[in-house]
PDB file of N, CA and C in Angstrom:
ATOM      1  N   LEU A   1      12.384 -21.700  68.536  1.00  0.00           N
ATOM      2  CA  LEU A   1      10.965 -21.382  68.504  1.00  0.00           C
ATOM      3  C   LEU A   1      10.670 -20.256  67.524  1.00  0.00           C
ATOM      4  N   ARG A   2      11.620 -19.366  67.352  1.00  0.00           N
ATOM      5  CA  ARG A   2      11.436 -18.278  66.396  1.00  0.00           C
ATOM      6  C   ARG A   2      11.269 -18.846  64.987  1.00  0.00           C
ATOM      7  N   ILE A   3      12.097 -19.833  64.634  1.00  0.00           N
ATOM      8  CA  ILE A   3      12.000 -20.465  63.318  1.00  0.00           C
ATOM      9  C   ILE A   3      10.675 -21.203  63.193  1.00  0.00           C
ATOM     10  N   TRP A   4      10.293 -21.953  64.234  1.00  0.00           N
ATOM     11  CA  TRP A   4       9.019 -22.677  64.211  1.00  0.00           C
ATOM     12  C   TRP A   4       7.863 -21.717  63.971  1.00  0.00           C
ATOM     13  N   GLY A   5       7.909 -20.545  64.587  1.00  0.00           N
ATOM     14  CA  GLY A   5       6.848 -19.560  64.418  1.00  0.00           C
ATOM     15  C   GLY A   5       6.696 -19.097  62.985  1.00  0.00           C
ATOM     16  N   LYS A   6       7.777 -19.145  62.223  1.00  0.00           N
ATOM     17  CA  LYS A   6       7.725 -18.714  60.824  1.00  0.00           C
ATOM     18  C   LYS A   6       7.294 -19.830  59.881  1.00  0.00           C
ATOM     19  N   ILE A   7       7.710 -21.068  60.163  1.00  0.00           N
ATOM     20  CA  ILE A   7       7.393 -22.153  59.235  1.00  0.00           C
ATOM     21  C   ILE A   7       6.211 -23.003  59.691  1.00  0.00           C
ATOM     22  N   THR A   8       5.843 -22.909  60.948  1.00  0.00           N
ATOM     23  CA  THR A   8       4.701 -23.620  61.548  1.00  0.00           C
ATOM     24  C   THR A   8       4.589 -25.082  61.109  1.00  0.00           C
ATOM     25  N   THR A   9       5.665 -25.791  61.232  1.00  0.00           N
ATOM     26  CA  THR A   9       5.665 -27.222  60.965  1.00  0.00           C
ATOM     27  C   THR A   9       5.848 -27.961  62.289  1.00  0.00           C
ATOM     28  N   THR A  10       5.660 -29.252  62.288  1.00  0.00           N
ATOM     29  CA  THR A  10       5.820 -30.038  63.506  1.00  0.00           C
ATOM     30  C   THR A  10       7.283 -30.115  63.903  1.00  0.00           C
ATOM     31  N   VAL A  11       7.540 -29.877  65.184  1.00  0.00           N
ATOM     32  CA  VAL A  11       8.880 -29.986  65.745  1.00  0.00           C
ATOM     33  C   VAL A  11       8.775 -30.892  66.964  1.00  0.00           C
ATOM     34  N   ILE A  12       9.709 -31.824  67.101  1.00  0.00           N
ATOM     35  CA  ILE A  12       9.723 -32.713  68.262  1.00  0.00           C
ATOM     36  C   ILE A  12      10.919 -32.353  69.128  1.00  0.00           C
ATOM     37  N   PHE A  13      10.638 -32.010  70.388  1.00  0.00           N
ATOM     38  CA  PHE A  13      11.675 -31.756  71.380  1.00  0.00           C
ATOM     39  C   PHE A  13      11.688 -32.935  72.341  1.00  0.00           C
ATOM     40  N   VAL A  14      12.858 -33.397  72.709  1.00  0.00           N
ATOM     41  CA  VAL A  14      12.982 -34.418  73.742  1.00  0.00           C
ATOM     42  C   VAL A  14      13.484 -33.705  74.987  1.00  0.00           C
ATOM     43  N   ALA A  15      12.769 -33.885  76.087  1.00  0.00           N
ATOM     44  CA  ALA A  15      13.130 -33.194  77.323  1.00  0.00           C
ATOM     45  C   ALA A  15      13.161 -34.181  78.473  1.00  0.00           C
ATOM     46  N   HIS A  16      13.953 -33.852  79.471  1.00  0.00           N
ATOM     47  CA  HIS A  16      14.020 -34.671  80.675  1.00  0.00           C
ATOM     48  C   HIS A  16      13.590 -33.863  81.888  1.00  0.00           C
ATOM     49  N   SER A  17      12.827 -32.832  81.640  1.00  0.00           N
ATOM     50  CA  SER A  17      12.244 -32.032  82.713  1.00  0.00           C
ATOM     51  C   SER A  17      10.750 -31.937  82.443  1.00  0.00           C
ATOM     52  N   ILE A  18      10.019 -31.432  83.388  1.00  0.00           N
ATOM     53  CA  ILE A  18       8.581 -31.256  83.194  1.00  0.00           C
ATOM     54  C   ILE A  18       8.280 -29.850  82.683  1.00  0.00           C
ATOM     55  N   ASP A  19       8.938 -28.848  83.226  1.00  0.00           N
ATOM     56  CA  ASP A  19       8.624 -27.463  82.873  1.00  0.00           C
ATOM     57  C   ASP A  19       8.917 -27.114  81.418  1.00  0.00           C
ATOM     58  N   GLU A  20      10.034 -27.583  80.901  1.00  0.00           N
ATOM     59  CA  GLU A  20      10.459 -27.168  79.562  1.00  0.00           C
ATOM     60  C   GLU A  20       9.443 -27.520  78.472  1.00  0.00           C
ATOM     61  N   PRO A  21       8.957 -28.751  78.399  1.00  0.00           N
ATOM     62  CA  PRO A  21       7.974 -29.033  77.348  1.00  0.00           C
ATOM     63  C   PRO A  21       6.647 -28.298  77.543  1.00  0.00           C
ATOM     64  N   ILE A  22       6.243 -28.074  78.788  1.00  0.00           N
ATOM     65  CA  ILE A  22       5.012 -27.312  79.017  1.00  0.00           C
ATOM     66  C   ILE A  22       5.194 -25.891  78.497  1.00  0.00           C
ATOM     67  N   PHE A  23       6.359 -25.314  78.739  1.00  0.00           N
ATOM     68  CA  PHE A  23       6.646 -23.952  78.305  1.00  0.00           C
ATOM     69  C   PHE A  23       6.720 -23.847  76.779  1.00  0.00           C
ATOM     70  N   ARG A  24       7.329 -24.833  76.128  1.00  0.00           N
ATOM     71  CA  ARG A  24       7.601 -24.728  74.693  1.00  0.00           C
ATOM     72  C   ARG A  24       6.544 -25.349  73.782  1.00  0.00           C
ATOM     73  N   ALA A  25       5.796 -26.323  74.283  1.00  0.00           N
ATOM     74  CA  ALA A  25       4.989 -27.154  73.387  1.00  0.00           C
ATOM     75  C   ALA A  25       3.497 -26.855  73.444  1.00  0.00           C
ATOM     76  N   ASP A  26       2.808 -27.342  72.421  1.00  0.00           N
ATOM     77  CA  ASP A  26       1.347 -27.334  72.401  1.00  0.00           C
ATOM     78  C   ASP A  26       0.797 -28.679  72.858  1.00  0.00           C
ATOM     79  N   ARG A  27       1.655 -29.702  72.817  1.00  0.00           N
ATOM     80  CA  ARG A  27       1.303 -31.039  73.294  1.00  0.00           C
ATOM     81  C   ARG A  27       2.517 -31.648  73.966  1.00  0.00           C
ATOM     82  N   VAL A  28       2.283 -32.335  75.082  1.00  0.00           N
ATOM     83  CA  VAL A  28       3.348 -33.054  75.776  1.00  0.00           C
ATOM     84  C   VAL A  28       3.016 -34.537  75.689  1.00  0.00           C
ATOM     85  N   VAL A  29       3.965 -35.305  75.178  1.00  0.00           N
ATOM     86  CA  VAL A  29       3.794 -36.752  75.065  1.00  0.00           C
ATOM     87  C   VAL A  29       4.589 -37.389  76.194  1.00  0.00           C
ATOM     88  N   VAL A  30       3.894 -38.047  77.102  1.00  0.00           N
ATOM     89  CA  VAL A  30       4.539 -38.726  78.223  1.00  0.00           C
ATOM     90  C   VAL A  30       4.766 -40.177  77.813  1.00  0.00           C
ATOM     91  N   MET A  31       6.013 -40.618  77.959  1.00  0.00           N
ATOM     92  CA  MET A  31       6.388 -41.967  77.563  1.00  0.00           C
ATOM     93  C   MET A  31       6.398 -42.894  78.779  1.00  0.00           C
ATOM     94  N   THR A  32       6.253 -44.187  78.516  1.00  0.00           N
ATOM     95  CA  THR A  32       6.348 -45.185  79.576  1.00  0.00           C
ATOM     96  C   THR A  32       7.809 -45.522  79.826  1.00  0.00           C
ATOM     97  N   ALA A  33       8.045 -46.160  80.976  1.00  0.00           N
ATOM     98  CA  ALA A  33       9.356 -46.752  81.216  1.00  0.00           C
ATOM     99  C   ALA A  33       9.494 -47.921  80.242  1.00  0.00           C
ATOM    100  N   ARG A  34      10.601 -48.602  80.285  1.00  0.00           N
ATOM    101  CA  ARG A  34      10.867 -49.684  79.334  1.00  0.00           C
ATOM    102  C   ARG A  34       9.726 -50.663  79.224  1.00  0.00           C
ATOM    103  N   PRO A  35       9.339 -51.048  78.055  1.00  0.00           N
ATOM    104  CA  PRO A  35       9.763 -50.469  76.779  1.00  0.00           C
ATOM    105  C   PRO A  35       9.060 -49.134  76.559  1.00  0.00           C
ATOM    106  N   GLY A  36       9.747 -48.206  75.951  1.00  0.00           N
ATOM    107  CA  GLY A  36       9.198 -46.872  75.735  1.00  0.00           C
ATOM    108  C   GLY A  36       8.022 -46.886  74.776  1.00  0.00           C
ATOM    109  N   ALA A  37       6.908 -46.382  75.234  1.00  0.00           N
ATOM    110  CA  ALA A  37       5.704 -46.253  74.416  1.00  0.00           C
ATOM    111  C   ALA A  37       4.964 -45.008  74.893  1.00  0.00           C
ATOM    112  N   VAL A  38       4.066 -44.517  74.080  1.00  0.00           N
ATOM    113  CA  VAL A  38       3.289 -43.346  74.471  1.00  0.00           C
ATOM    114  C   VAL A  38       2.305 -43.752  75.563  1.00  0.00           C
ATOM    115  N   LYS A  39       2.397 -43.075  76.697  1.00  0.00           N
ATOM    116  CA  LYS A  39       1.460 -43.334  77.793  1.00  0.00           C
ATOM    117  C   LYS A  39       0.266 -42.393  77.699  1.00  0.00           C
ATOM    118  N   GLU A  40       0.551 -41.124  77.454  1.00  0.00           N
ATOM    119  CA  GLU A  40      -0.537 -40.148  77.358  1.00  0.00           C
ATOM    120  C   GLU A  40      -0.043 -38.913  76.617  1.00  0.00           C
ATOM    121  N   ILE A  41      -0.960 -38.278  75.897  1.00  0.00           N
ATOM    122  CA  ILE A  41      -0.679 -37.008  75.233  1.00  0.00           C
ATOM    123  C   ILE A  41      -1.516 -35.946  75.931  1.00  0.00           C
ATOM    124  N   ILE A  42      -0.843 -34.895  76.390  1.00  0.00           N
ATOM    125  CA  ILE A  42      -1.510 -33.819  77.121  1.00  0.00           C
ATOM    126  C   ILE A  42      -1.444 -32.553  76.273  1.00  0.00           C
ATOM    127  N   ASP A  43      -2.604 -32.034  75.890  1.00  0.00           N
ATOM    128  CA  ASP A  43      -2.661 -30.780  75.143  1.00  0.00           C
ATOM    129  C   ASP A  43      -2.385 -29.619  76.089  1.00  0.00           C
ATOM    130  N   ILE A  44      -1.513 -28.711  75.661  1.00  0.00           N
ATOM    131  CA  ILE A  44      -1.143 -27.543  76.460  1.00  0.00           C
ATOM    132  C   ILE A  44      -1.816 -26.322  75.839  1.00  0.00           C
ATOM    133  N   ASP A  45      -2.767 -25.763  76.551  1.00  0.00           N
ATOM    134  CA  ASP A  45      -3.525 -24.620  76.043  1.00  0.00           C
ATOM    135  C   ASP A  45      -3.133 -23.366  76.823  1.00  0.00           C
ATOM    136  N   LEU A  46      -1.924 -22.887  76.554  1.00  0.00           N
ATOM    137  CA  LEU A  46      -1.435 -21.647  77.153  1.00  0.00           C
ATOM    138  C   LEU A  46      -1.230 -20.638  76.028  1.00  0.00           C
ATOM    139  N   PRO A  47      -1.456 -19.352  76.311  1.00  0.00           N
ATOM    140  CA  PRO A  47      -1.336 -18.345  75.251  1.00  0.00           C
ATOM    141  C   PRO A  47       0.089 -18.233  74.716  1.00  0.00           C
ATOM    142  N   ARG A  48       0.196 -17.851  73.448  1.00  0.00           N
ATOM    143  CA  ARG A  48       1.480 -17.582  72.801  1.00  0.00           C
ATOM    144  C   ARG A  48       1.507 -16.132  72.385  1.00  0.00           C
ATOM    145  N   PRO A  49       2.661 -15.508  72.368  1.00  0.00           N
ATOM    146  CA  PRO A  49       3.961 -16.035  72.777  1.00  0.00           C
ATOM    147  C   PRO A  49       4.026 -16.174  74.297  1.00  0.00           C
ATOM    148  N   ARG A  50       4.850 -17.101  74.744  1.00  0.00           N
ATOM    149  CA  ARG A  50       5.008 -17.353  76.179  1.00  0.00           C
ATOM    150  C   ARG A  50       6.311 -16.738  76.657  1.00  0.00           C
ATOM    151  N   ASP A  51       6.247 -16.109  77.807  1.00  0.00           N
ATOM    152  CA  ASP A  51       7.480 -15.619  78.419  1.00  0.00           C
ATOM    153  C   ASP A  51       7.671 -16.331  79.751  1.00  0.00           C
ATOM    154  N   GLY A  52       8.805 -16.119  80.368  1.00  0.00           N
ATOM    155  CA  GLY A  52       9.145 -16.824  81.599  1.00  0.00           C
ATOM    156  C   GLY A  52       8.153 -16.632  82.727  1.00  0.00           C
ATOM    157  N   ASP A  53       7.419 -15.526  82.716  1.00  0.00           N
ATOM    158  CA  ASP A  53       6.455 -15.265  83.786  1.00  0.00           C
ATOM    159  C   ASP A  53       5.324 -16.281  83.821  1.00  0.00           C
ATOM    160  N   ILE A  54       5.051 -16.915  82.696  1.00  0.00           N
ATOM    161  CA  ILE A  54       3.946 -17.877  82.656  1.00  0.00           C
ATOM    162  C   ILE A  54       4.209 -19.071  83.567  1.00  0.00           C
ATOM    163  N   ARG A  55       5.483 -19.338  83.852  1.00  0.00           N
ATOM    164  CA  ARG A  55       5.829 -20.472  84.720  1.00  0.00           C
ATOM    165  C   ARG A  55       5.297 -20.308  86.141  1.00  0.00           C
ATOM    166  N   ALA A  56       4.982 -19.081  86.528  1.00  0.00           N
ATOM    167  CA  ALA A  56       4.443 -18.824  87.867  1.00  0.00           C
ATOM    168  C   ALA A  56       2.914 -18.809  87.879  1.00  0.00           C
ATOM    169  N   SER A  57       2.287 -19.006  86.725  1.00  0.00           N
ATOM    170  CA  SER A  57       0.826 -18.918  86.650  1.00  0.00           C
ATOM    171  C   SER A  57       0.162 -20.183  87.187  1.00  0.00           C
ATOM    172  N   ALA A  58      -1.077 -20.023  87.613  1.00  0.00           N
ATOM    173  CA  ALA A  58      -1.855 -21.165  88.114  1.00  0.00           C
ATOM    174  C   ALA A  58      -2.058 -22.201  87.014  1.00  0.00           C
ATOM    175  N   GLU A  59      -2.302 -21.745  85.786  1.00  0.00           N
ATOM    176  CA  GLU A  59      -2.534 -22.672  84.678  1.00  0.00           C
ATOM    177  C   GLU A  59      -1.301 -23.528  84.405  1.00  0.00           C
ATOM    178  N   PHE A  60      -0.131 -22.894  84.400  1.00  0.00           N
ATOM    179  CA  PHE A  60       1.112 -23.623  84.161  1.00  0.00           C
ATOM    180  C   PHE A  60       1.311 -24.680  85.245  1.00  0.00           C
ATOM    181  N   ASN A  61       1.055 -24.299  86.483  1.00  0.00           N
ATOM    182  CA  ASN A  61       1.241 -25.236  87.590  1.00  0.00           C
ATOM    183  C   ASN A  61       0.241 -26.385  87.556  1.00  0.00           C
ATOM    184  N   LEU A  62      -0.947 -26.153  87.025  1.00  0.00           N
ATOM    185  CA  LEU A  62      -1.903 -27.252  86.841  1.00  0.00           C
ATOM    186  C   LEU A  62      -1.381 -28.245  85.804  1.00  0.00           C
ATOM    187  N   TYR A  63      -0.797 -27.732  84.717  1.00  0.00           N
ATOM    188  CA  TYR A  63      -0.197 -28.626  83.721  1.00  0.00           C
ATOM    189  C   TYR A  63       0.978 -29.394  84.317  1.00  0.00           C
ATOM    190  N   ARG A  64       1.804 -28.719  85.107  1.00  0.00           N
ATOM    191  CA  ARG A  64       2.940 -29.384  85.748  1.00  0.00           C
ATOM    192  C   ARG A  64       2.450 -30.540  86.626  1.00  0.00           C
ATOM    193  N   ALA A  65       1.414 -30.292  87.414  1.00  0.00           N
ATOM    194  CA  ALA A  65       0.862 -31.338  88.283  1.00  0.00           C
ATOM    195  C   ALA A  65       0.290 -32.487  87.456  1.00  0.00           C
ATOM    196  N   ARG A  66      -0.371 -32.172  86.353  1.00  0.00           N
ATOM    197  CA  ARG A  66      -0.959 -33.212  85.497  1.00  0.00           C
ATOM    198  C   ARG A  66       0.122 -34.094  84.875  1.00  0.00           C
ATOM    199  N   VAL A  67       1.167 -33.465  84.346  1.00  0.00           N
ATOM    200  CA  VAL A  67       2.259 -34.240  83.747  1.00  0.00           C
ATOM    201  C   VAL A  67       2.905 -35.126  84.808  1.00  0.00           C
ATOM    202  N   TRP A  68       3.150 -34.579  85.987  1.00  0.00           N
ATOM    203  CA  TRP A  68       3.771 -35.374  87.044  1.00  0.00           C
ATOM    204  C   TRP A  68       2.875 -36.540  87.461  1.00  0.00           C
ATOM    205  N   ASP A  69       1.558 -36.317  87.532  1.00  0.00           N
ATOM    206  CA  ASP A  69       0.636 -37.407  87.876  1.00  0.00           C
ATOM    207  C   ASP A  69       0.753 -38.561  86.883  1.00  0.00           C
ATOM    208  N   VAL A  70       0.891 -38.243  85.600  1.00  0.00           N
ATOM    209  CA  VAL A  70       1.012 -39.278  84.571  1.00  0.00           C
ATOM    210  C   VAL A  70       2.394 -39.930  84.627  1.00  0.00           C
ATOM    211  N   LEU A  71       3.408 -39.145  84.907  1.00  0.00           N
ATOM    212  CA  LEU A  71       4.796 -39.607  84.860  1.00  0.00           C
ATOM    213  C   LEU A  71       5.241 -40.358  86.112  1.00  0.00           C
ATOM    214  N   ARG A  72       4.642 -40.084  87.247  1.00  0.00           N
ATOM    215  CA  ARG A  72       5.102 -40.606  88.539  1.00  0.00           C
ATOM    216  C   ARG A  72       5.304 -42.124  88.542  1.00  0.00           C
ATOM    217  N   ASP A  73       4.320 -42.889  88.093  1.00  0.00           N
ATOM    218  CA  ASP A  73       4.445 -44.354  88.092  1.00  0.00           C
ATOM    219  C   ASP A  73       5.601 -44.820  87.215  1.00  0.00           C
ATOM    220  N   GLU A  74       5.815 -44.127  86.104  1.00  0.00           N
ATOM    221  CA  GLU A  74       6.901 -44.514  85.201  1.00  0.00           C
ATOM    222  C   GLU A  74       8.263 -44.237  85.828  1.00  0.00           C
ATOM    223  N   VAL A  75       8.376 -43.151  86.557  1.00  0.00           N
ATOM    224  CA  VAL A  75       9.624 -42.847  87.266  1.00  0.00           C
ATOM    225  C   VAL A  75       9.885 -43.917  88.321  1.00  0.00           C
ATOM    226  N   ASN A  76       8.853 -44.286  89.062  1.00  0.00           N
ATOM    227  CA  ASN A  76       9.009 -45.322  90.083  1.00  0.00           C
ATOM    228  C   ASN A  76       9.416 -46.662  89.469  1.00  0.00           C
ATOM    229  N   LYS A  77       8.818 -47.026  88.333  1.00  0.00           N
ATOM    230  CA  LYS A  77       9.186 -48.276  87.644  1.00  0.00           C
ATOM    231  C   LYS A  77      10.646 -48.238  87.204  1.00  0.00           C
ATOM    232  N   ALA A  78      11.058 -47.125  86.635  1.00  0.00           N
ATOM    233  CA  ALA A  78      12.439 -47.003  86.159  1.00  0.00           C
ATOM    234  C   ALA A  78      13.419 -47.079  87.323  1.00  0.00           C
ATOM    235  N   GLN A  79      13.096 -46.438  88.441  1.00  0.00           N
ATOM    236  CA  GLN A  79      13.981 -46.491  89.608  1.00  0.00           C
ATOM    237  C   GLN A  79      14.058 -47.907  90.162  1.00  0.00           C
ATOM    238  N   LYS A  80      12.933 -48.604  90.186  1.00  0.00           N
ATOM    239  CA  LYS A  80      12.918 -49.984  90.675  1.00  0.00           C
ATOM    240  C   LYS A  80      13.772 -50.868  89.770  1.00  0.00           C
ATOM    241  N   ASP A  81      13.606 -50.732  88.456  1.00  0.00           N
ATOM    242  CA  ASP A  81      14.410 -51.508  87.510  1.00  0.00           C
ATOM    243  C   ASP A  81      15.891 -51.215  87.685  1.00  0.00           C
ATOM    244  N   TRP A  82      16.218 -49.961  87.900  1.00  0.00           N
ATOM    245  CA  TRP A  82      17.613 -49.551  88.045  1.00  0.00           C
ATOM    246  C   TRP A  82      18.226 -50.146  89.314  1.00  0.00           C
ATOM    247  N   THR A  83      17.492 -50.104  90.426  1.00  0.00           N
ATOM    248  CA  THR A  83      18.049 -50.606  91.685  1.00  0.00           C
ATOM    249  C   THR A  83      18.109 -52.127  91.722  1.00  0.00           C
ATOM    250  N   LEU A  84      17.257 -52.811  90.947  1.00  0.00           N
ATOM    251  CA  LEU A  84      17.269 -54.274  90.919  1.00  0.00           C
ATOM    252  C   LEU A  84      18.228 -54.840  89.877  1.00  0.00           C
ATOM    253  N   SER A  85      18.745 -54.000  89.018  1.00  0.00           N
ATOM    254  CA  SER A  85      19.628 -54.454  87.953  1.00  0.00           C
ATOM    255  C   SER A  85      20.944 -54.972  88.528  1.00  0.00           C
ATOM    256  N   PRO A  86      21.404 -56.171  88.089  1.00  0.00           N
ATOM    257  CA  PRO A  86      22.685 -56.707  88.568  1.00  0.00           C
ATOM    258  C   PRO A  86      23.860 -55.780  88.251  1.00  0.00           C
ATOM    259  N   ALA A  87      23.749 -55.016  87.192  1.00  0.00           N
ATOM    260  CA  ALA A  87      24.837 -54.108  86.826  1.00  0.00           C
ATOM    261  C   ALA A  87      25.022 -53.005  87.859  1.00  0.00           C
ATOM    262  N   PHE A  88      23.986 -52.736  88.645  1.00  0.00           N
ATOM    263  CA  PHE A  88      24.060 -51.659  89.624  1.00  0.00           C
ATOM    264  C   PHE A  88      24.027 -52.166  91.056  1.00  0.00           C
ATOM    265  N   SER A  89      24.244 -53.455  91.257  1.00  0.00           N
ATOM    266  CA  SER A  89      24.210 -53.985  92.623  1.00  0.00           C
ATOM    267  C   SER A  89      25.439 -53.520  93.391  1.00  0.00           C
ATOM    268  N   HIS A  90      25.290 -53.473  94.682  1.00  0.00           N
ATOM    269  CA  HIS A  90      26.372 -52.961  95.539  1.00  0.00           C
ATOM    270  C   HIS A  90      27.301 -54.071  95.915  1.00  0.00           C
TER     271      HIS A  90
END
């Protein structure tokens, strides 16, 4: 992030958590389950620079809830596909 702050160019981070992209990004792109496509882009309007304390703020938690609301159906679809897959049958 220090380098990004100096060159201010677009950087793409891939994350498998909800908190990390909210903390680091100005926009969070939520992808669909298979096939992967953009489901929604959420603009993150939190002040910069951000420190770890922001994770306890009401604003951060509202973004966390919003991302989870968009992501929840995709997680359920992926879990259903995984449990129904013959490769993972018991």
